[in-house]
Amino acid sequence: MQTDKELDARGLNCPLPILKAKKALADMVSGQTLKIVATDGGSVRDFQAFAKQTGNDLLHQESTGGEHITVLKRR
């Protein structure tokens, strides 16, 4: 999946992946996509809740090899 920006949140624990994603999304324009790669297992649920709370679209999530990939679309 092609994205506009990628955030490496590997090795970071909650709440840092969410905080870094929030900052990255603030610098983006509406409709752009952000790919986040995290190793914190809780990030999957965290990003689902984050998308609902902020109105950003959760486009994709997958977990492979201990990495959790989330793609968000800026509202």
C-alpha atoms as a PDB file:
ATOM      1  CA  MET A   1       0.000   0.000   0.000  1.00  0.00           C
ATOM      2  CA  GLN A   2       1.402   3.394  -1.035  1.00  0.00           C
ATOM      3  CA  THR A   3       1.443   5.981   1.773  1.00  0.00           C
ATOM      4  CA  ASP A   4       2.422   9.640   1.973  1.00  0.00           C
ATOM      5  CA  LYS A   5       4.491   9.348   5.145  1.00  0.00           C
ATOM      6  CA  GLU A   6       5.959   6.575   7.308  1.00  0.00           C
ATOM      7  CA  LEU A   7       6.548   6.639  11.055  1.00  0.00           C
ATOM      8  CA  ASP A   8       8.976   4.192  12.672  1.00  0.00           C
ATOM      9  CA  ALA A   9       7.712   3.544  16.202  1.00  0.00           C
ATOM     10  CA  ARG A  10       9.659   0.312  16.714  1.00  0.00           C
ATOM     11  CA  GLY A  11      10.862  -0.135  20.284  1.00  0.00           C
ATOM     12  CA  LEU A  12       8.490   2.495  21.661  1.00  0.00           C
ATOM     13  CA  ASN A  13       5.880   1.604  24.260  1.00  0.00           C
ATOM     14  CA  CYS A  14       2.470   3.115  24.908  1.00  0.00           C
ATOM     15  CA  PRO A  15       1.698   5.995  24.682  1.00  0.00           C
ATOM     16  CA  LEU A  16       4.655   7.047  22.509  1.00  0.00           C
ATOM     17  CA  PRO A  17       3.497   5.471  19.191  1.00  0.00           C
ATOM     18  CA  ILE A  18       0.152   7.316  19.508  1.00  0.00           C
ATOM     19  CA  LEU A  19       1.787  10.611  20.474  1.00  0.00           C
ATOM     20  CA  LYS A  20       4.243  10.438  17.569  1.00  0.00           C
ATOM     21  CA  ALA A  21       1.435   9.539  15.156  1.00  0.00           C
ATOM     22  CA  LYS A  22      -0.666  12.450  16.422  1.00  0.00           C
ATOM     23  CA  LYS A  23       2.243  14.837  15.829  1.00  0.00           C
ATOM     24  CA  ALA A  24       2.906  13.410  12.352  1.00  0.00           C
ATOM     25  CA  LEU A  25      -0.775  13.682  11.368  1.00  0.00           C
ATOM     26  CA  ALA A  26      -0.860  17.310  12.537  1.00  0.00           C
ATOM     27  CA  ASP A  27       1.827  18.127   9.944  1.00  0.00           C
ATOM     28  CA  MET A  28      -0.140  16.463   7.127  1.00  0.00           C
ATOM     29  CA  VAL A  29      -3.022  17.713   5.000  1.00  0.00           C
ATOM     30  CA  SER A  30      -6.478  16.167   4.806  1.00  0.00           C
ATOM     31  CA  GLY A  31      -6.557  12.968   2.754  1.00  0.00           C
ATOM     32  CA  GLN A  32      -2.886  12.070   3.185  1.00  0.00           C
ATOM     33  CA  THR A  33      -1.977   8.665   4.603  1.00  0.00           C
ATOM     34  CA  LEU A  34       0.409   7.733   7.410  1.00  0.00           C
ATOM     35  CA  LYS A  35       1.948   4.280   7.856  1.00  0.00           C
ATOM     36  CA  ILE A  36       3.042   3.464  11.404  1.00  0.00           C
ATOM     37  CA  VAL A  37       5.306   0.496  12.164  1.00  0.00           C
ATOM     38  CA  ALA A  38       5.309  -0.410  15.877  1.00  0.00           C
ATOM     39  CA  THR A  39       6.517  -3.328  17.990  1.00  0.00           C
ATOM     40  CA  ASP A  40       4.226  -2.628  20.969  1.00  0.00           C
ATOM     41  CA  GLY A  41       1.462  -5.244  20.853  1.00  0.00           C
ATOM     42  CA  GLY A  42      -0.989  -2.828  22.454  1.00  0.00           C
ATOM     43  CA  SER A  43      -0.622  -0.423  19.548  1.00  0.00           C
ATOM     44  CA  VAL A  44      -3.160  -2.376  17.479  1.00  0.00           C
ATOM     45  CA  ARG A  45      -5.991  -1.612  19.929  1.00  0.00           C
ATOM     46  CA  ASP A  46      -4.587   1.826  20.675  1.00  0.00           C
ATOM     47  CA  PHE A  47      -4.717   2.913  17.037  1.00  0.00           C
ATOM     48  CA  GLN A  48      -8.253   1.557  16.632  1.00  0.00           C
ATOM     49  CA  ALA A  49      -9.386   3.716  19.570  1.00  0.00           C
ATOM     50  CA  PHE A  50      -7.298   6.670  18.354  1.00  0.00           C
ATOM     51  CA  ALA A  51      -8.965   6.576  14.927  1.00  0.00           C
ATOM     52  CA  LYS A  52     -12.453   6.564  16.475  1.00  0.00           C
ATOM     53  CA  GLN A  53     -11.647   9.399  18.871  1.00  0.00           C
ATOM     54  CA  THR A  54      -9.964  11.667  16.326  1.00  0.00           C
ATOM     55  CA  GLY A  55     -12.085  10.982  13.234  1.00  0.00           C
ATOM     56  CA  ASN A  56      -9.104   9.828  11.181  1.00  0.00           C
ATOM     57  CA  ASP A  57      -9.780   6.777   9.005  1.00  0.00           C
ATOM     58  CA  LEU A  58      -8.158   3.459   9.907  1.00  0.00           C
ATOM     59  CA  LEU A  59      -7.378   2.057   6.457  1.00  0.00           C
ATOM     60  CA  HIS A  60      -5.314  -1.018   7.278  1.00  0.00           C
ATOM     61  CA  GLN A  61      -3.785  -3.035  10.109  1.00  0.00           C
ATOM     62  CA  GLU A  62      -1.606  -6.127  10.022  1.00  0.00           C
ATOM     63  CA  SER A  63       0.815  -7.884  12.329  1.00  0.00           C
ATOM     64  CA  THR A  64       3.772  -9.850  11.018  1.00  0.00           C
ATOM     65  CA  GLY A  65       7.025 -10.922  12.605  1.00  0.00           C
ATOM     66  CA  GLY A  66       6.449  -8.971  15.805  1.00  0.00           C
ATOM     67  CA  GLU A  67       5.726  -5.748  13.932  1.00  0.00           C
ATOM     68  CA  HIS A  68       2.325  -4.104  13.871  1.00  0.00           C
ATOM     69  CA  ILE A  69       1.564  -1.962  10.845  1.00  0.00           C
ATOM     70  CA  THR A  70      -1.229   0.593  10.886  1.00  0.00           C
ATOM     71  CA  VAL A  71      -2.249   2.933   8.062  1.00  0.00           C
ATOM     72  CA  LEU A  72      -4.284   6.019   8.938  1.00  0.00           C
ATOM     73  CA  LYS A  73      -5.841   8.582   6.616  1.00  0.00           C
ATOM     74  CA  ARG A  74      -5.821  12.183   7.849  1.00  0.00           C
ATOM     75  CA  ARG A  75      -9.317  13.604   8.273  1.00  0.00           C
END
